[in-house]
Amino acid sequence: MKFIYALLFAVLLAFLAWPYYRIYQIDDVLGRDNPEELAPLVDLAAVRAGVVQQLDARMQATTGQATQGSVLDWVHENLRKLGSDTADQLIDLEWVRETLQRAAREAIAEPPYYLMKSIDYAFFDGLDSFLIRLGPLEQNPTHVRMQLRGGNWRITGIYN
């Protein structure tokens, strides 16, 4: 019976350490010149959707809630479509790489600018969701969400 408990404990520890190891892998890839190495570490479609959702929320906050059938509603719909099309074109692995590198530089006072060094908080916020905060709360940090997708932890959102 002790063996089963020890085995379950070892599996639990491995599961808890898994996203931290993934952060280490991401940090390692960010130090290289090839952004394509990020491909297995990032769910690009989810990151794009998250950016479009952020833009939509900011637009709603700026212009207020549109009523259905109004001119403002039409403008919101067209801006949402434009934002979605633009996100599909502009947000790629290079954008993810540059965004994470910039967030690390902004969070750290002096070089070296490693992603792991810039992390102020990293922990589970669900069984299949992990949140990373780059920099302290006072400095308007960048948040990175990782989710368990396809049997592996992948970046699914980058939020400013």
N, C-alpha and C. Protein backbone atom coordinates (compact mmCIF):
# COMPACT_ATOMS: atom_id res chain seq x y z
N MET A 1 0.81 -1.19 0.00
CA MET A 1 0.00 0.00 0.00
C MET A 1 0.87 1.27 0.00
N LYS A 2 2.00 1.20 0.72
CA LYS A 2 2.90 2.36 0.73
C LYS A 2 3.41 2.67 -0.67
N PHE A 3 3.64 1.63 -1.45
CA PHE A 3 4.13 1.82 -2.81
C PHE A 3 3.11 2.61 -3.64
N ILE A 4 1.85 2.27 -3.51
CA ILE A 4 0.80 2.96 -4.27
C ILE A 4 0.73 4.42 -3.86
N TYR A 5 0.79 4.70 -2.56
CA TYR A 5 0.77 6.09 -2.10
C TYR A 5 2.00 6.86 -2.59
N ALA A 6 3.15 6.21 -2.55
CA ALA A 6 4.37 6.85 -3.03
C ALA A 6 4.28 7.13 -4.53
N LEU A 7 3.73 6.20 -5.27
CA LEU A 7 3.56 6.37 -6.70
C LEU A 7 2.59 7.51 -7.00
N LEU A 8 1.47 7.57 -6.31
CA LEU A 8 0.50 8.65 -6.49
C LEU A 8 1.11 10.00 -6.12
N PHE A 9 1.90 10.02 -5.07
CA PHE A 9 2.55 11.26 -4.66
C PHE A 9 3.56 11.71 -5.72
N ALA A 10 4.30 10.76 -6.28
CA ALA A 10 5.28 11.08 -7.33
C ALA A 10 4.57 11.61 -8.58
N VAL A 11 3.44 11.02 -8.94
CA VAL A 11 2.68 11.50 -10.10
C VAL A 11 2.15 12.90 -9.84
N LEU A 12 1.66 13.16 -8.64
CA LEU A 12 1.17 14.48 -8.28
C LEU A 12 2.29 15.52 -8.35
N LEU A 13 3.45 15.20 -7.82
CA LEU A 13 4.59 16.12 -7.88
C LEU A 13 5.01 16.39 -9.33
N ALA A 14 5.01 15.35 -10.14
CA ALA A 14 5.38 15.53 -11.56
C ALA A 14 4.37 16.44 -12.26
N PHE A 15 3.09 16.26 -11.97
CA PHE A 15 2.06 17.10 -12.58
C PHE A 15 2.22 18.55 -12.13
N LEU A 16 2.52 18.78 -10.86
CA LEU A 16 2.70 20.14 -10.35
C LEU A 16 3.95 20.80 -10.92
N ALA A 17 4.98 20.02 -11.19
CA ALA A 17 6.23 20.58 -11.73
C ALA A 17 6.20 20.78 -13.24
N TRP A 18 5.30 20.11 -13.91
CA TRP A 18 5.24 20.11 -15.37
C TRP A 18 5.14 21.51 -15.98
N PRO A 19 4.21 22.38 -15.56
CA PRO A 19 4.15 23.70 -16.19
C PRO A 19 5.41 24.55 -15.92
N TYR A 20 6.04 24.35 -14.77
CA TYR A 20 7.27 25.10 -14.49
C TYR A 20 8.39 24.65 -15.43
N TYR A 21 8.43 23.37 -15.73
CA TYR A 21 9.40 22.88 -16.70
C TYR A 21 9.11 23.46 -18.09
N ARG A 22 7.83 23.60 -18.40
CA ARG A 22 7.44 24.17 -19.69
C ARG A 22 7.89 25.64 -19.77
N ILE A 23 7.79 26.38 -18.67
CA ILE A 23 8.27 27.76 -18.64
C ILE A 23 9.78 27.78 -18.92
N TYR A 24 10.50 26.85 -18.34
CA TYR A 24 11.93 26.74 -18.59
C TYR A 24 12.20 26.51 -20.08
N GLN A 25 11.41 25.64 -20.71
CA GLN A 25 11.57 25.38 -22.14
C GLN A 25 11.28 26.63 -22.97
N ILE A 26 10.22 27.35 -22.60
CA ILE A 26 9.88 28.58 -23.31
C ILE A 26 11.01 29.59 -23.19
N ASP A 27 11.54 29.73 -21.98
CA ASP A 27 12.65 30.66 -21.75
C ASP A 27 13.85 30.29 -22.61
N ASP A 28 14.12 29.01 -22.71
CA ASP A 28 15.24 28.54 -23.52
C ASP A 28 15.04 28.88 -25.00
N VAL A 29 13.83 28.68 -25.50
CA VAL A 29 13.54 28.97 -26.90
C VAL A 29 13.59 30.47 -27.18
N LEU A 30 13.16 31.29 -26.21
CA LEU A 30 13.18 32.74 -26.41
C LEU A 30 14.60 33.27 -26.57
N GLY A 31 15.58 32.55 -26.05
CA GLY A 31 16.97 32.96 -26.18
C GLY A 31 17.59 32.62 -27.52
N ARG A 32 16.86 31.88 -28.33
CA ARG A 32 17.37 31.50 -29.65
C ARG A 32 16.82 32.44 -30.72
N ASP A 33 17.37 32.34 -31.92
CA ASP A 33 16.98 33.24 -33.01
C ASP A 33 15.80 32.74 -33.83
N ASN A 34 15.41 31.49 -33.66
CA ASN A 34 14.37 30.91 -34.50
C ASN A 34 13.02 30.88 -33.78
N PRO A 35 12.09 31.79 -34.13
CA PRO A 35 10.80 31.80 -33.46
C PRO A 35 9.95 30.57 -33.77
N GLU A 36 10.26 29.85 -34.84
CA GLU A 36 9.49 28.65 -35.20
C GLU A 36 9.62 27.56 -34.14
N GLU A 37 10.65 27.63 -33.32
CA GLU A 37 10.82 26.65 -32.24
C GLU A 37 9.75 26.80 -31.17
N LEU A 38 9.04 27.94 -31.18
CA LEU A 38 7.95 28.16 -30.24
C LEU A 38 6.68 27.40 -30.62
N ALA A 39 6.60 26.91 -31.85
CA ALA A 39 5.37 26.30 -32.37
C ALA A 39 4.77 25.23 -31.45
N PRO A 40 5.55 24.29 -30.92
CA PRO A 40 4.91 23.30 -30.04
C PRO A 40 4.56 23.84 -28.66
N LEU A 41 4.99 25.04 -28.35
CA LEU A 41 4.78 25.61 -27.03
C LEU A 41 3.64 26.63 -27.00
N VAL A 42 3.10 26.96 -28.17
CA VAL A 42 2.09 28.03 -28.27
C VAL A 42 0.89 27.55 -29.08
N ASP A 43 -0.31 27.82 -28.56
CA ASP A 43 -1.54 27.62 -29.32
C ASP A 43 -1.86 28.97 -29.96
N LEU A 44 -1.37 29.16 -31.19
CA LEU A 44 -1.44 30.45 -31.85
C LEU A 44 -2.88 30.91 -32.08
N ALA A 45 -3.77 29.99 -32.42
CA ALA A 45 -5.17 30.36 -32.64
C ALA A 45 -5.79 30.91 -31.35
N ALA A 46 -5.47 30.32 -30.22
CA ALA A 46 -6.00 30.79 -28.93
C ALA A 46 -5.41 32.15 -28.56
N VAL A 47 -4.13 32.36 -28.84
CA VAL A 47 -3.50 33.65 -28.56
C VAL A 47 -4.16 34.73 -29.41
N ARG A 48 -4.37 34.44 -30.69
CA ARG A 48 -5.03 35.41 -31.57
C ARG A 48 -6.43 35.75 -31.06
N ALA A 49 -7.18 34.72 -30.70
CA ALA A 49 -8.54 34.94 -30.20
C ALA A 49 -8.53 35.78 -28.93
N GLY A 50 -7.55 35.56 -28.07
CA GLY A 50 -7.43 36.34 -26.85
C GLY A 50 -7.13 37.80 -27.12
N VAL A 51 -6.27 38.07 -28.10
CA VAL A 51 -5.94 39.45 -28.46
C VAL A 51 -7.16 40.15 -29.04
N VAL A 52 -7.89 39.46 -29.89
CA VAL A 52 -9.11 40.04 -30.46
C VAL A 52 -10.12 40.32 -29.35
N GLN A 53 -10.23 39.42 -28.40
CA GLN A 53 -11.16 39.62 -27.28
C GLN A 53 -10.73 40.83 -26.45
N GLN A 54 -9.43 41.01 -26.21
CA GLN A 54 -8.94 42.19 -25.50
C GLN A 54 -9.28 43.47 -26.24
N LEU A 55 -9.06 43.47 -27.55
CA LEU A 55 -9.37 44.65 -28.36
C LEU A 55 -10.86 44.96 -28.31
N ASP A 56 -11.67 43.92 -28.38
CA ASP A 56 -13.12 44.11 -28.34
C ASP A 56 -13.56 44.68 -27.00
N ALA A 57 -12.98 44.17 -25.91
CA ALA A 57 -13.33 44.68 -24.58
C ALA A 57 -12.91 46.14 -24.43
N ARG A 58 -11.74 46.49 -24.94
CA ARG A 58 -11.29 47.88 -24.87
C ARG A 58 -12.16 48.80 -25.71
N MET A 59 -12.58 48.29 -26.87
CA MET A 59 -13.46 49.08 -27.72
C MET A 59 -14.81 49.30 -27.03
N GLN A 60 -15.35 48.25 -26.42
CA GLN A 60 -16.63 48.38 -25.71
C GLN A 60 -16.51 49.38 -24.57
N ALA A 61 -15.39 49.33 -23.85
CA ALA A 61 -15.19 50.24 -22.72
C ALA A 61 -15.05 51.68 -23.20
N THR A 62 -14.42 51.86 -24.35
CA THR A 62 -14.20 53.21 -24.87
C THR A 62 -15.48 53.82 -25.44
N THR A 63 -16.20 53.04 -26.22
CA THR A 63 -17.37 53.59 -26.91
C THR A 63 -18.67 53.32 -26.18
N GLY A 64 -18.66 52.46 -25.19
CA GLY A 64 -19.89 52.14 -24.48
C GLY A 64 -20.62 51.01 -25.17
N GLN A 65 -21.68 50.52 -24.54
CA GLN A 65 -22.45 49.40 -25.07
C GLN A 65 -23.35 49.89 -26.21
N ALA A 66 -23.24 49.25 -27.35
CA ALA A 66 -24.06 49.62 -28.50
C ALA A 66 -25.41 48.93 -28.41
N THR A 67 -26.43 49.59 -28.90
CA THR A 67 -27.75 48.97 -28.97
C THR A 67 -27.87 48.28 -30.31
N GLN A 68 -28.60 47.18 -30.32
CA GLN A 68 -28.71 46.39 -31.53
C GLN A 68 -29.41 47.20 -32.62
N GLY A 69 -28.82 47.16 -33.81
CA GLY A 69 -29.40 47.86 -34.95
C GLY A 69 -28.94 49.30 -35.09
N SER A 70 -28.15 49.78 -34.14
CA SER A 70 -27.70 51.17 -34.21
C SER A 70 -26.46 51.28 -35.10
N VAL A 71 -26.12 52.50 -35.44
CA VAL A 71 -24.92 52.75 -36.23
C VAL A 71 -23.68 52.32 -35.45
N LEU A 72 -23.70 52.56 -34.15
CA LEU A 72 -22.57 52.18 -33.31
C LEU A 72 -22.39 50.66 -33.28
N ASP A 73 -23.50 49.94 -33.29
CA ASP A 73 -23.45 48.48 -33.35
C ASP A 73 -22.79 48.03 -34.66
N TRP A 74 -23.15 48.69 -35.77
CA TRP A 74 -22.55 48.37 -37.05
C TRP A 74 -21.05 48.65 -37.04
N VAL A 75 -20.64 49.78 -36.45
CA VAL A 75 -19.23 50.14 -36.34
C VAL A 75 -18.49 49.09 -35.51
N HIS A 76 -19.08 48.67 -34.39
CA HIS A 76 -18.45 47.65 -33.54
C HIS A 76 -18.23 46.36 -34.31
N GLU A 77 -19.24 45.93 -35.05
CA GLU A 77 -19.12 44.69 -35.81
C GLU A 77 -18.01 44.77 -36.85
N ASN A 78 -17.95 45.88 -37.55
CA ASN A 78 -16.90 46.04 -38.57
C ASN A 78 -15.52 46.16 -37.95
N LEU A 79 -15.40 46.86 -36.84
CA LEU A 79 -14.11 46.95 -36.15
C LEU A 79 -13.70 45.58 -35.60
N ARG A 80 -14.66 44.82 -35.11
CA ARG A 80 -14.36 43.47 -34.60
C ARG A 80 -13.84 42.59 -35.72
N LYS A 81 -14.48 42.65 -36.89
CA LYS A 81 -14.03 41.86 -38.04
C LYS A 81 -12.65 42.33 -38.51
N LEU A 82 -12.45 43.63 -38.55
CA LEU A 82 -11.15 44.19 -38.94
C LEU A 82 -10.07 43.74 -37.96
N GLY A 83 -10.39 43.80 -36.66
CA GLY A 83 -9.43 43.38 -35.64
C GLY A 83 -9.10 41.91 -35.76
N SER A 84 -10.10 41.08 -36.05
CA SER A 84 -9.88 39.65 -36.19
C SER A 84 -9.01 39.36 -37.41
N ASP A 85 -9.31 40.01 -38.53
CA ASP A 85 -8.51 39.81 -39.74
C ASP A 85 -7.07 40.28 -39.54
N THR A 86 -6.91 41.41 -38.88
CA THR A 86 -5.58 41.95 -38.61
C THR A 86 -4.80 41.02 -37.69
N ALA A 87 -5.47 40.50 -36.66
CA ALA A 87 -4.81 39.58 -35.73
C ALA A 87 -4.31 38.34 -36.46
N ASP A 88 -5.11 37.83 -37.39
CA ASP A 88 -4.69 36.64 -38.15
C ASP A 88 -3.43 36.92 -38.95
N GLN A 89 -3.28 38.15 -39.43
CA GLN A 89 -2.11 38.49 -40.24
C GLN A 89 -0.89 38.86 -39.41
N LEU A 90 -1.11 39.57 -38.31
CA LEU A 90 0.02 40.13 -37.56
C LEU A 90 0.53 39.24 -36.42
N ILE A 91 -0.34 38.46 -35.83
CA ILE A 91 0.06 37.67 -34.67
C ILE A 91 0.55 36.31 -35.14
N ASP A 92 1.86 36.17 -35.07
CA ASP A 92 2.52 34.93 -35.43
C ASP A 92 3.52 34.58 -34.34
N LEU A 93 4.32 33.57 -34.58
CA LEU A 93 5.28 33.14 -33.55
C LEU A 93 6.32 34.21 -33.27
N GLU A 94 6.69 34.99 -34.28
CA GLU A 94 7.63 36.09 -34.07
C GLU A 94 7.02 37.14 -33.14
N TRP A 95 5.73 37.44 -33.31
CA TRP A 95 5.03 38.40 -32.45
C TRP A 95 5.01 37.88 -31.00
N VAL A 96 4.72 36.59 -30.83
CA VAL A 96 4.70 35.99 -29.49
C VAL A 96 6.09 36.12 -28.86
N ARG A 97 7.11 35.78 -29.63
CA ARG A 97 8.49 35.86 -29.13
C ARG A 97 8.85 37.28 -28.72
N GLU A 98 8.57 38.25 -29.58
CA GLU A 98 8.90 39.64 -29.28
C GLU A 98 8.09 40.17 -28.09
N THR A 99 6.84 39.78 -27.98
CA THR A 99 6.00 40.23 -26.88
C THR A 99 6.51 39.69 -25.55
N LEU A 100 6.88 38.43 -25.51
CA LEU A 100 7.40 37.84 -24.27
C LEU A 100 8.77 38.44 -23.91
N GLN A 101 9.61 38.65 -24.91
CA GLN A 101 10.91 39.26 -24.64
C GLN A 101 10.76 40.69 -24.13
N ARG A 102 9.86 41.45 -24.74
CA ARG A 102 9.62 42.83 -24.31
C ARG A 102 9.06 42.85 -22.88
N ALA A 103 8.14 41.95 -22.58
CA ALA A 103 7.57 41.89 -21.24
C ALA A 103 8.64 41.56 -20.20
N ALA A 104 9.56 40.68 -20.56
CA ALA A 104 10.65 40.35 -19.64
C ALA A 104 11.56 41.55 -19.42
N ARG A 105 11.87 42.28 -20.50
CA ARG A 105 12.71 43.47 -20.36
C ARG A 105 12.04 44.54 -19.50
N GLU A 106 10.74 44.71 -19.65
CA GLU A 106 10.02 45.72 -18.87
C GLU A 106 9.93 45.34 -17.40
N ALA A 107 9.94 44.06 -17.10
CA ALA A 107 9.77 43.60 -15.72
C ALA A 107 11.08 43.57 -14.94
N ILE A 108 12.20 43.57 -15.64
CA ILE A 108 13.50 43.42 -14.99
C ILE A 108 14.28 44.73 -15.12
N ALA A 109 14.93 45.12 -14.03
CA ALA A 109 15.66 46.39 -14.01
C ALA A 109 16.96 46.33 -14.81
N GLU A 110 17.65 45.19 -14.76
CA GLU A 110 18.95 45.10 -15.43
C GLU A 110 19.11 43.74 -16.10
N PRO A 111 19.99 43.66 -17.10
CA PRO A 111 20.21 42.39 -17.80
C PRO A 111 20.83 41.36 -16.86
N PRO A 112 20.74 40.11 -17.16
CA PRO A 112 20.16 39.48 -18.34
C PRO A 112 18.64 39.43 -18.25
N TYR A 113 17.99 39.54 -19.39
CA TYR A 113 16.53 39.61 -19.47
C TYR A 113 15.95 38.23 -19.77
N TYR A 114 15.97 37.36 -18.80
CA TYR A 114 15.39 36.03 -18.95
C TYR A 114 13.93 36.05 -18.53
N LEU A 115 13.13 35.27 -19.22
CA LEU A 115 11.72 35.16 -18.87
C LEU A 115 11.56 34.68 -17.43
N MET A 116 12.33 33.69 -17.05
CA MET A 116 12.20 33.13 -15.69
C MET A 116 12.54 34.16 -14.63
N LYS A 117 13.45 35.04 -14.93
CA LYS A 117 13.84 36.08 -13.97
C LYS A 117 12.75 37.13 -13.81
N SER A 118 11.93 37.32 -14.84
CA SER A 118 10.89 38.34 -14.81
C SER A 118 9.60 37.88 -14.16
N ILE A 119 9.49 36.61 -13.83
CA ILE A 119 8.24 36.06 -13.28
C ILE A 119 8.08 36.50 -11.83
N ASP A 120 6.94 37.13 -11.56
CA ASP A 120 6.59 37.56 -10.21
C ASP A 120 5.62 36.58 -9.57
N TYR A 121 4.85 35.88 -10.40
CA TYR A 121 3.86 34.92 -9.92
C TYR A 121 3.64 33.87 -10.99
N ALA A 122 3.58 32.63 -10.59
CA ALA A 122 3.26 31.54 -11.52
C ALA A 122 2.65 30.40 -10.72
N PHE A 123 1.36 30.13 -10.99
CA PHE A 123 0.69 29.04 -10.28
C PHE A 123 -0.59 28.65 -11.01
N PHE A 124 -1.10 27.50 -10.66
CA PHE A 124 -2.34 26.99 -11.24
C PHE A 124 -3.50 27.89 -10.85
N ASP A 125 -4.42 28.11 -11.78
CA ASP A 125 -5.69 28.72 -11.43
C ASP A 125 -6.83 27.80 -11.88
N GLY A 126 -6.51 26.57 -12.11
CA GLY A 126 -7.44 25.50 -12.45
C GLY A 126 -6.61 24.25 -12.69
N LEU A 127 -7.28 23.11 -12.83
CA LEU A 127 -6.53 21.88 -13.06
C LEU A 127 -5.79 21.88 -14.39
N ASP A 128 -6.36 22.56 -15.37
CA ASP A 128 -5.73 22.60 -16.69
C ASP A 128 -5.37 24.01 -17.12
N SER A 129 -5.20 24.90 -16.15
CA SER A 129 -4.91 26.31 -16.45
C SER A 129 -3.83 26.82 -15.50
N PHE A 130 -2.87 27.55 -16.05
CA PHE A 130 -1.72 28.03 -15.30
C PHE A 130 -1.50 29.49 -15.67
N LEU A 131 -1.37 30.35 -14.68
CA LEU A 131 -1.21 31.78 -14.93
C LEU A 131 0.18 32.24 -14.51
N ILE A 132 0.80 33.04 -15.38
CA ILE A 132 2.13 33.59 -15.13
C ILE A 132 2.01 35.11 -15.19
N ARG A 133 2.58 35.79 -14.19
CA ARG A 133 2.60 37.25 -14.19
C ARG A 133 4.06 37.69 -14.33
N LEU A 134 4.33 38.48 -15.36
CA LEU A 134 5.68 38.97 -15.61
C LEU A 134 5.77 40.39 -15.07
N GLY A 135 6.37 40.53 -13.90
CA GLY A 135 6.51 41.83 -13.26
C GLY A 135 5.50 41.99 -12.14
N PRO A 136 5.79 42.93 -11.23
CA PRO A 136 4.88 43.16 -10.11
C PRO A 136 3.59 43.86 -10.54
N LEU A 137 2.57 43.71 -9.73
CA LEU A 137 1.25 44.28 -10.05
C LEU A 137 1.29 45.79 -10.23
N GLU A 138 2.15 46.47 -9.49
CA GLU A 138 2.21 47.94 -9.56
C GLU A 138 2.69 48.43 -10.92
N GLN A 139 3.35 47.59 -11.69
CA GLN A 139 3.96 48.01 -12.95
C GLN A 139 3.15 47.59 -14.18
N ASN A 140 1.85 47.34 -14.01
CA ASN A 140 1.00 46.91 -15.12
C ASN A 140 1.64 45.72 -15.86
N PRO A 141 1.73 44.57 -15.20
CA PRO A 141 2.46 43.44 -15.76
C PRO A 141 1.75 42.78 -16.93
N THR A 142 2.50 41.99 -17.64
CA THR A 142 1.96 41.14 -18.69
C THR A 142 1.61 39.80 -18.05
N HIS A 143 0.44 39.28 -18.39
CA HIS A 143 0.01 37.97 -17.90
C HIS A 143 0.05 36.98 -19.06
N VAL A 144 0.55 35.81 -18.77
CA VAL A 144 0.62 34.75 -19.76
C VAL A 144 -0.18 33.57 -19.22
N ARG A 145 -1.12 33.08 -20.02
CA ARG A 145 -1.91 31.92 -19.61
C ARG A 145 -1.45 30.71 -20.40
N MET A 146 -1.23 29.63 -19.66
CA MET A 146 -0.94 28.35 -20.29
C MET A 146 -2.08 27.40 -19.94
N GLN A 147 -2.44 26.57 -20.91
CA GLN A 147 -3.46 25.57 -20.66
C GLN A 147 -2.98 24.23 -21.17
N LEU A 148 -3.52 23.20 -20.57
CA LEU A 148 -3.19 21.84 -20.97
C LEU A 148 -3.97 21.54 -22.24
N ARG A 149 -3.29 21.51 -23.36
CA ARG A 149 -3.92 21.29 -24.66
C ARG A 149 -3.17 20.17 -25.39
N GLY A 150 -3.91 19.21 -25.87
CA GLY A 150 -3.30 18.13 -26.63
C GLY A 150 -2.25 17.37 -25.84
N GLY A 151 -2.46 17.25 -24.54
CA GLY A 151 -1.54 16.50 -23.70
C GLY A 151 -0.28 17.25 -23.31
N ASN A 152 -0.27 18.57 -23.52
CA ASN A 152 0.90 19.35 -23.15
C ASN A 152 0.49 20.77 -22.77
N TRP A 153 1.33 21.41 -21.97
CA TRP A 153 1.08 22.80 -21.58
C TRP A 153 1.51 23.71 -22.70
N ARG A 154 0.58 24.60 -23.12
CA ARG A 154 0.86 25.53 -24.22
C ARG A 154 0.37 26.92 -23.83
N ILE A 155 1.05 27.94 -24.34
CA ILE A 155 0.62 29.32 -24.13
C ILE A 155 -0.66 29.52 -24.93
N THR A 156 -1.71 29.99 -24.24
CA THR A 156 -2.99 30.22 -24.92
C THR A 156 -3.43 31.68 -24.82
N GLY A 157 -2.69 32.50 -24.09
CA GLY A 157 -3.06 33.90 -23.98
C GLY A 157 -1.93 34.74 -23.45
N ILE A 158 -1.82 35.95 -24.01
CA ILE A 158 -0.86 36.96 -23.51
C ILE A 158 -1.67 38.23 -23.33
N TYR A 159 -1.74 38.70 -22.09
CA TYR A 159 -2.60 39.84 -21.76
C TYR A 159 -1.80 40.96 -21.13
N ASN A 160 -2.05 42.17 -21.57
CA ASN A 160 -1.41 43.35 -20.98
C ASN A 160 -2.39 44.09 -20.13
